[in-house]
Amino acid sequence: MITGPAWSQKLRDEIGKAVIGQDAVVERLLVALLANGHVLLEGMPGLAKTLLVKSLGTALGVQFERIQFTPDLLPSDVVGTMIFQPKTGEFSAHRGPIFANLVLADEINRAPAKVQSALLEAMQERQVTIGGQTHPLPKPFFVMATQNPVEQEGTYPLPEAQTDRFLFKLLVDYPTAEEESLMMQRWGQVTKQPELAAASSGAELLELRVEVDRVHLAPALQGYILALVRGTRALAENNGPAKKHLSFGASPRASLALYQAGRALAWLRGLDFVSPALIQELAPDVLRHRVGLTYEAEAEEISADRIIAQVVEKTPVPSIS
């Protein structure tokens, strides 16, 4: 059976042919694949978010579909609709682009709530309903969405019910000067665009999840995960003299996400157990989109990551033997 580091490296090598840098983001995407979770990528335009997800789909060897979210998009454009067949006189289901292994929802916050809600059943239940009939989605199935953090005109903020269904919210940052220089050298040649090949498969991914489930997570560490998540709720319920910076804390999905992602990250790094350090490392990506900032926090320019760092710092770390 292939090991976590070996599987990670062969996918990284293939993705690296098209995407330079973003090593931490790539690792989180692989963790999401192993943990059967969806990912929300947030970053400025031109940071290769779309290219990264497309390259991941090619390297993984699964069916990839891209949906460009726009204000005039309809739910039927995502999940599909019923089509009348003149020859038979009957209606048949026409499946939309959601019927793929890896679906890229590009600029997801540009579509209205009706379209965004069309993804809810698919993301949570791995199925869609067309014309009153339920159709299961292929396995594995992932939604990876992108959004622009600064442009507000013509956008629709994602509702909490939908953001909570994403395992991670990843912040994509600018590349270093060396990486950007290498981009110019590689992509400046129009005739020499990199070609990617499949380095894995959907069937292999499903098999690897069995190995991830064997990673040990101690009961004390399970209590630590609960303490971190419930610590955000305690801040939201604060009625004391201190300023209230959270309007609501993380949901139980956050506990499950830390539990699943912790084991996946441990396996990916060749470990057979989860340590508190791994949970602390994953906490911002799991929690930043699951807590609500108050107006006071936004006025003081206090970010969700800063509050999560305070919760991590104040929560006692268990000793794991």
Protein backbone atom coordinates (compact mmCIF):
# COMPACT_ATOMS: atom_id res chain seq x y z
CA MET A 1 0.00 0.00 0.00
CA ILE A 2 1.29 3.44 -0.91
CA THR A 3 2.32 5.73 1.95
CA GLY A 4 1.01 9.23 2.59
CA PRO A 5 4.26 11.09 1.76
CA ALA A 6 4.73 9.08 -1.46
CA TRP A 7 1.15 9.71 -2.64
CA SER A 8 1.44 13.39 -1.74
CA GLN A 9 4.74 13.80 -3.54
CA LYS A 10 3.63 12.27 -6.83
CA LEU A 11 0.57 14.53 -6.92
CA ARG A 12 2.63 17.58 -5.92
CA ASP A 13 5.17 16.85 -8.67
CA GLU A 14 2.42 16.71 -11.29
CA ILE A 15 0.61 19.82 -10.03
CA GLY A 16 3.95 21.64 -9.82
CA LYS A 17 4.30 21.41 -13.61
CA ALA A 18 1.51 24.00 -13.90
CA VAL A 19 1.38 25.75 -10.52
CA ILE A 20 4.45 27.31 -8.89
CA GLY A 21 4.48 27.65 -5.11
CA GLN A 22 1.33 27.46 -2.96
CA ASP A 23 2.73 24.36 -1.21
CA ALA A 24 0.65 24.85 1.94
CA VAL A 25 -2.57 25.27 -0.07
CA VAL A 26 -1.81 22.15 -2.13
CA GLU A 27 -1.30 20.13 1.04
CA ARG A 28 -4.64 21.32 2.44
CA LEU A 29 -6.39 20.37 -0.81
CA LEU A 30 -4.97 16.86 -0.53
CA VAL A 31 -6.12 16.69 3.09
CA ALA A 32 -9.63 17.68 1.97
CA LEU A 33 -9.62 14.92 -0.65
CA LEU A 34 -8.69 12.34 1.99
CA ALA A 35 -11.20 13.72 4.51
CA ASN A 36 -14.03 13.82 1.94
CA GLY A 37 -14.53 17.56 2.39
CA HIS A 38 -15.16 20.61 0.22
CA VAL A 39 -12.86 23.65 0.05
CA LEU A 40 -13.43 27.40 -0.31
CA LEU A 41 -10.46 29.27 -1.81
CA GLU A 42 -10.29 33.01 -1.23
CA GLY A 43 -7.72 35.26 -2.85
CA MET A 44 -7.05 38.15 -5.17
CA PRO A 45 -7.45 37.68 -8.95
CA GLY A 46 -4.51 36.18 -10.80
CA LEU A 47 -3.25 33.89 -8.02
CA ALA A 48 -3.92 30.69 -10.02
CA LYS A 49 -6.83 29.48 -7.90
CA THR A 50 -8.70 28.12 -10.92
CA LEU A 51 -5.52 26.67 -12.44
CA LEU A 52 -4.69 24.99 -9.15
CA VAL A 53 -8.03 23.18 -8.88
CA LYS A 54 -8.00 22.21 -12.56
CA SER A 55 -4.45 20.84 -12.22
CA LEU A 56 -5.50 18.89 -9.12
CA GLY A 57 -8.33 17.26 -11.07
CA THR A 58 -5.96 16.26 -13.88
CA ALA A 59 -3.30 14.93 -11.51
CA LEU A 60 -5.91 12.97 -9.57
CA GLY A 61 -7.27 11.44 -12.77
CA VAL A 62 -10.94 12.22 -12.11
CA GLN A 63 -13.70 13.90 -14.11
CA PHE A 64 -13.45 17.69 -13.73
CA GLU A 65 -16.12 20.31 -14.43
CA ARG A 66 -15.93 24.08 -14.07
CA ILE A 67 -19.00 26.25 -13.44
CA GLN A 68 -18.56 30.00 -13.86
CA PHE A 69 -20.96 31.61 -11.40
CA THR A 70 -22.64 34.77 -12.72
CA PRO A 71 -25.67 36.84 -11.57
CA ASP A 72 -27.86 35.37 -14.34
CA LEU A 73 -27.03 31.73 -13.57
CA LEU A 74 -30.00 29.45 -12.82
CA PRO A 75 -30.13 26.41 -10.51
CA SER A 76 -30.90 24.22 -13.55
CA ASP A 77 -27.60 25.36 -15.07
CA VAL A 78 -25.85 23.66 -12.15
CA VAL A 79 -27.83 20.50 -11.32
CA GLY A 80 -29.68 19.96 -14.60
CA THR A 81 -33.32 19.92 -15.69
CA MET A 82 -36.02 17.80 -17.32
CA ILE A 83 -35.94 17.75 -21.14
CA PHE A 84 -38.95 16.80 -23.31
CA GLN A 85 -38.19 14.06 -25.86
CA PRO A 86 -40.50 14.49 -28.92
CA LYS A 87 -39.87 10.94 -30.17
CA THR A 88 -41.07 9.27 -26.97
CA GLY A 89 -43.36 12.02 -25.68
CA GLU A 90 -41.68 11.75 -22.26
CA PHE A 91 -39.45 13.93 -20.11
CA SER A 92 -35.93 12.76 -19.31
CA ALA A 93 -33.40 14.15 -16.88
CA HIS A 94 -30.58 16.18 -18.40
CA ARG A 95 -27.70 16.11 -15.93
CA GLY A 96 -25.86 19.34 -15.26
CA PRO A 97 -22.12 19.90 -14.68
CA ILE A 98 -22.52 19.01 -10.98
CA PHE A 99 -22.32 15.34 -12.06
CA ALA A 100 -18.52 15.16 -11.90
CA ASN A 101 -15.93 14.01 -9.39
CA LEU A 102 -14.36 17.43 -8.91
CA VAL A 103 -16.51 20.52 -9.47
CA LEU A 104 -14.99 24.00 -9.51
CA ALA A 105 -17.50 26.68 -8.53
CA ASP A 106 -15.60 29.67 -9.88
CA GLU A 107 -16.40 33.00 -8.17
CA ILE A 108 -19.22 31.39 -6.23
CA ASN A 109 -20.24 34.66 -4.56
CA ARG A 110 -21.29 36.16 -7.94
CA ALA A 111 -24.45 34.03 -8.13
CA PRO A 112 -27.66 34.77 -6.16
CA ALA A 113 -28.81 32.73 -3.19
CA LYS A 114 -31.13 30.52 -5.25
CA VAL A 115 -28.18 29.18 -7.25
CA GLN A 116 -25.93 28.86 -4.21
CA SER A 117 -28.63 26.84 -2.44
CA ALA A 118 -28.67 24.43 -5.40
CA LEU A 119 -25.27 23.27 -4.18
CA LEU A 120 -26.42 22.56 -0.62
CA GLU A 121 -27.97 19.16 -1.26
CA ALA A 122 -25.07 18.14 -3.49
CA MET A 123 -22.41 19.17 -0.96
CA GLN A 124 -24.07 17.59 2.05
CA GLU A 125 -25.99 14.59 0.70
CA ARG A 126 -23.89 13.84 -2.41
CA GLN A 127 -27.10 13.75 -4.43
CA VAL A 128 -29.36 16.09 -6.41
CA THR A 129 -33.07 16.09 -7.18
CA ILE A 130 -34.25 16.70 -10.75
CA GLY A 131 -37.94 16.57 -11.57
CA GLY A 132 -38.77 14.92 -8.27
CA GLN A 133 -36.24 12.12 -8.78
CA THR A 134 -33.09 11.79 -6.70
CA HIS A 135 -29.82 11.11 -8.53
CA PRO A 136 -26.67 10.10 -6.64
CA LEU A 137 -23.47 11.92 -7.53
CA PRO A 138 -20.33 10.01 -8.58
CA LYS A 139 -17.78 8.89 -6.01
CA PRO A 140 -15.57 10.60 -5.02
CA PHE A 141 -17.30 13.99 -5.19
CA PHE A 142 -15.85 17.36 -4.20
CA VAL A 143 -16.81 21.00 -4.60
CA MET A 144 -13.96 23.49 -4.63
CA ALA A 145 -15.13 27.09 -4.82
CA THR A 146 -13.26 30.36 -5.34
CA GLN A 147 -14.18 33.89 -4.37
CA ASN A 148 -12.66 37.36 -4.51
CA PRO A 149 -12.31 39.00 -1.06
CA VAL A 150 -12.25 42.65 -2.17
CA GLU A 151 -14.80 43.09 -4.96
CA GLN A 152 -18.26 43.79 -3.52
CA GLU A 153 -20.19 45.08 -6.57
CA GLY A 154 -22.37 42.39 -8.10
CA THR A 155 -21.62 39.81 -5.41
CA TYR A 156 -23.82 37.88 -3.00
CA PRO A 157 -22.25 36.88 0.34
CA LEU A 158 -22.46 33.16 1.03
CA PRO A 159 -24.98 32.27 3.76
CA GLU A 160 -23.66 30.64 6.92
CA ALA A 161 -25.50 27.41 6.07
CA GLN A 162 -23.37 27.04 2.96
CA THR A 163 -19.99 28.20 4.26
CA ASP A 164 -20.39 25.72 7.13
CA ARG A 165 -20.43 22.88 4.60
CA PHE A 166 -16.88 23.66 3.48
CA LEU A 167 -14.23 21.67 5.33
CA PHE A 168 -11.64 24.43 4.84
CA LYS A 169 -11.55 28.08 3.93
CA LEU A 170 -8.07 28.66 2.51
CA LEU A 171 -6.52 32.08 1.98
CA VAL A 172 -4.39 32.16 -1.16
CA ASP A 173 -1.57 34.70 -0.85
CA TYR A 174 0.76 36.32 -3.36
CA PRO A 175 3.80 34.32 -4.51
CA THR A 176 7.33 35.20 -3.45
CA ALA A 177 9.60 37.23 -5.75
CA GLU A 178 11.50 34.06 -6.72
CA GLU A 179 8.29 32.19 -7.53
CA GLU A 180 6.91 35.09 -9.56
CA SER A 181 10.19 35.32 -11.51
CA LEU A 182 9.99 31.59 -12.26
CA MET A 183 6.40 32.08 -13.47
CA MET A 184 7.55 34.60 -16.05
CA GLN A 185 10.25 32.25 -17.29
CA ARG A 186 7.90 29.28 -17.56
CA TRP A 187 4.67 30.89 -18.74
CA GLY A 188 6.31 33.53 -20.90
CA GLN A 189 6.81 30.92 -23.62
CA VAL A 190 3.45 30.50 -25.34
CA THR A 191 4.52 27.41 -27.30
CA LYS A 192 5.69 25.47 -24.26
CA GLN A 193 2.68 25.13 -22.00
CA PRO A 194 3.00 22.26 -19.48
CA GLU A 195 0.97 19.09 -20.00
CA LEU A 196 -0.19 17.17 -16.93
CA ALA A 197 -0.89 13.46 -16.63
CA ALA A 198 -2.91 11.45 -14.13
CA ALA A 199 -0.79 10.39 -11.16
CA SER A 200 -3.61 8.77 -9.18
CA SER A 201 -7.27 7.82 -9.56
CA GLY A 202 -10.60 8.17 -7.82
CA ALA A 203 -10.56 4.46 -6.96
CA GLU A 204 -7.15 4.80 -5.34
CA LEU A 205 -8.35 7.78 -3.33
CA LEU A 206 -11.29 5.80 -1.96
CA GLU A 207 -8.88 3.02 -0.93
CA LEU A 208 -6.55 5.48 0.80
CA ARG A 209 -9.40 6.75 2.98
CA VAL A 210 -9.43 3.34 4.65
CA GLU A 211 -5.79 3.93 5.65
CA VAL A 212 -6.67 7.38 6.97
CA ASP A 213 -9.38 5.87 9.19
CA ARG A 214 -6.70 3.73 10.86
CA VAL A 215 -4.78 6.75 12.15
CA HIS A 216 -5.08 6.92 15.93
CA LEU A 217 -6.64 9.94 17.61
CA ALA A 218 -6.41 9.75 21.41
CA PRO A 219 -9.50 10.42 23.57
CA ALA A 220 -7.62 13.28 25.26
CA LEU A 221 -7.09 14.90 21.87
CA GLN A 222 -10.76 14.47 21.07
CA GLY A 223 -11.48 16.46 24.22
CA TYR A 224 -8.98 19.08 23.06
CA ILE A 225 -10.84 19.47 19.75
CA LEU A 226 -14.12 19.94 21.63
CA ALA A 227 -12.51 22.51 23.92
CA LEU A 228 -11.28 24.55 20.96
CA VAL A 229 -14.64 24.54 19.17
CA ARG A 230 -16.65 25.19 22.30
CA GLY A 231 -14.22 27.97 23.19
CA THR A 232 -15.47 29.93 20.19
CA ARG A 233 -19.04 29.48 21.39
CA ALA A 234 -18.08 30.72 24.85
CA LEU A 235 -16.76 33.95 23.30
CA ALA A 236 -20.03 34.40 21.41
CA GLU A 237 -22.05 33.87 24.60
CA ASN A 238 -19.93 36.31 26.61
CA ASN A 239 -22.16 38.66 28.61
CA GLY A 240 -19.43 40.11 30.81
CA PRO A 241 -17.79 43.55 30.73
CA ALA A 242 -15.30 42.49 28.06
CA LYS A 243 -16.06 43.44 24.48
CA LYS A 244 -17.89 40.78 22.52
CA HIS A 245 -16.04 39.96 19.29
CA LEU A 246 -18.04 36.94 18.07
CA SER A 247 -21.75 36.92 17.30
CA PHE A 248 -21.80 33.12 16.98
CA GLY A 249 -19.30 30.30 17.45
CA ALA A 250 -18.40 27.26 15.39
CA SER A 251 -20.95 24.50 14.78
CA PRO A 252 -20.50 20.76 15.48
CA ARG A 253 -19.31 20.42 11.88
CA ALA A 254 -16.13 22.18 13.03
CA SER A 255 -15.44 19.40 15.56
CA LEU A 256 -15.97 16.75 12.89
CA ALA A 257 -13.79 18.68 10.44
CA LEU A 258 -10.88 18.94 12.89
CA TYR A 259 -11.24 15.25 13.74
CA GLN A 260 -11.26 14.09 10.10
CA ALA A 261 -8.70 16.57 8.79
CA GLY A 262 -6.33 15.85 11.68
CA ARG A 263 -6.16 12.16 10.80
CA ALA A 264 -5.83 12.92 7.08
CA LEU A 265 -2.95 15.36 7.66
CA ALA A 266 -1.19 12.90 9.97
CA TRP A 267 -1.41 10.12 7.35
CA LEU A 268 -0.26 12.48 4.60
CA ARG A 269 2.88 13.21 6.62
CA GLY A 270 3.60 9.57 7.37
CA LEU A 271 2.35 9.53 10.98
CA ASP A 272 0.10 6.91 12.56
CA PHE A 273 -1.30 9.21 15.26
CA VAL A 274 -2.62 12.78 15.55
CA SER A 275 -0.74 15.28 17.71
CA PRO A 276 -2.04 18.54 19.28
CA ALA A 277 0.34 20.48 16.97
CA LEU A 278 -1.52 19.18 13.90
CA ILE A 279 -4.88 20.27 15.35
CA GLN A 280 -3.48 23.72 16.13
CA GLU A 281 -2.14 23.97 12.59
CA LEU A 282 -5.52 23.10 11.08
CA ALA A 283 -7.64 25.24 13.42
CA PRO A 284 -7.57 28.52 11.42
CA ASP A 285 -8.50 26.82 8.12
CA VAL A 286 -11.36 24.91 9.78
CA LEU A 287 -12.74 27.68 11.99
CA ARG A 288 -12.26 31.02 10.21
CA HIS A 289 -15.44 30.68 8.11
CA ARG A 290 -17.49 29.13 10.92
CA VAL A 291 -17.41 32.06 13.36
CA GLY A 292 -19.23 35.36 13.00
CA LEU A 293 -17.47 38.63 13.80
CA THR A 294 -19.42 41.37 15.60
CA TYR A 295 -19.53 44.96 14.39
CA GLU A 296 -17.16 45.89 17.23
CA ALA A 297 -14.58 43.37 16.01
CA GLU A 298 -14.84 44.58 12.42
CA ALA A 299 -14.57 48.23 13.55
CA GLU A 300 -11.39 47.37 15.46
CA GLU A 301 -10.11 45.42 12.42
CA ILE A 302 -9.91 42.21 14.44
CA SER A 303 -9.85 39.20 12.12
CA ALA A 304 -11.29 35.75 12.70
CA ASP A 305 -7.77 34.30 12.56
CA ARG A 306 -6.69 36.54 15.43
CA ILE A 307 -9.59 35.42 17.61
CA ILE A 308 -8.94 31.76 16.76
CA ALA A 309 -5.27 32.22 17.71
CA GLN A 310 -6.40 33.56 21.09
CA VAL A 311 -8.69 30.57 21.62
CA VAL A 312 -5.85 28.18 20.75
CA GLU A 313 -3.49 30.01 23.11
CA LYS A 314 -5.91 29.90 26.05
CA THR A 315 -7.00 26.26 25.62
CA PRO A 316 -4.88 23.83 27.71
CA VAL A 317 -2.98 21.35 25.55
CA PRO A 318 -3.35 17.70 26.65
CA SER A 319 -0.32 15.47 27.08
CA ILE A 320 -0.42 12.63 24.57
CA SER A 321 1.70 9.60 25.41
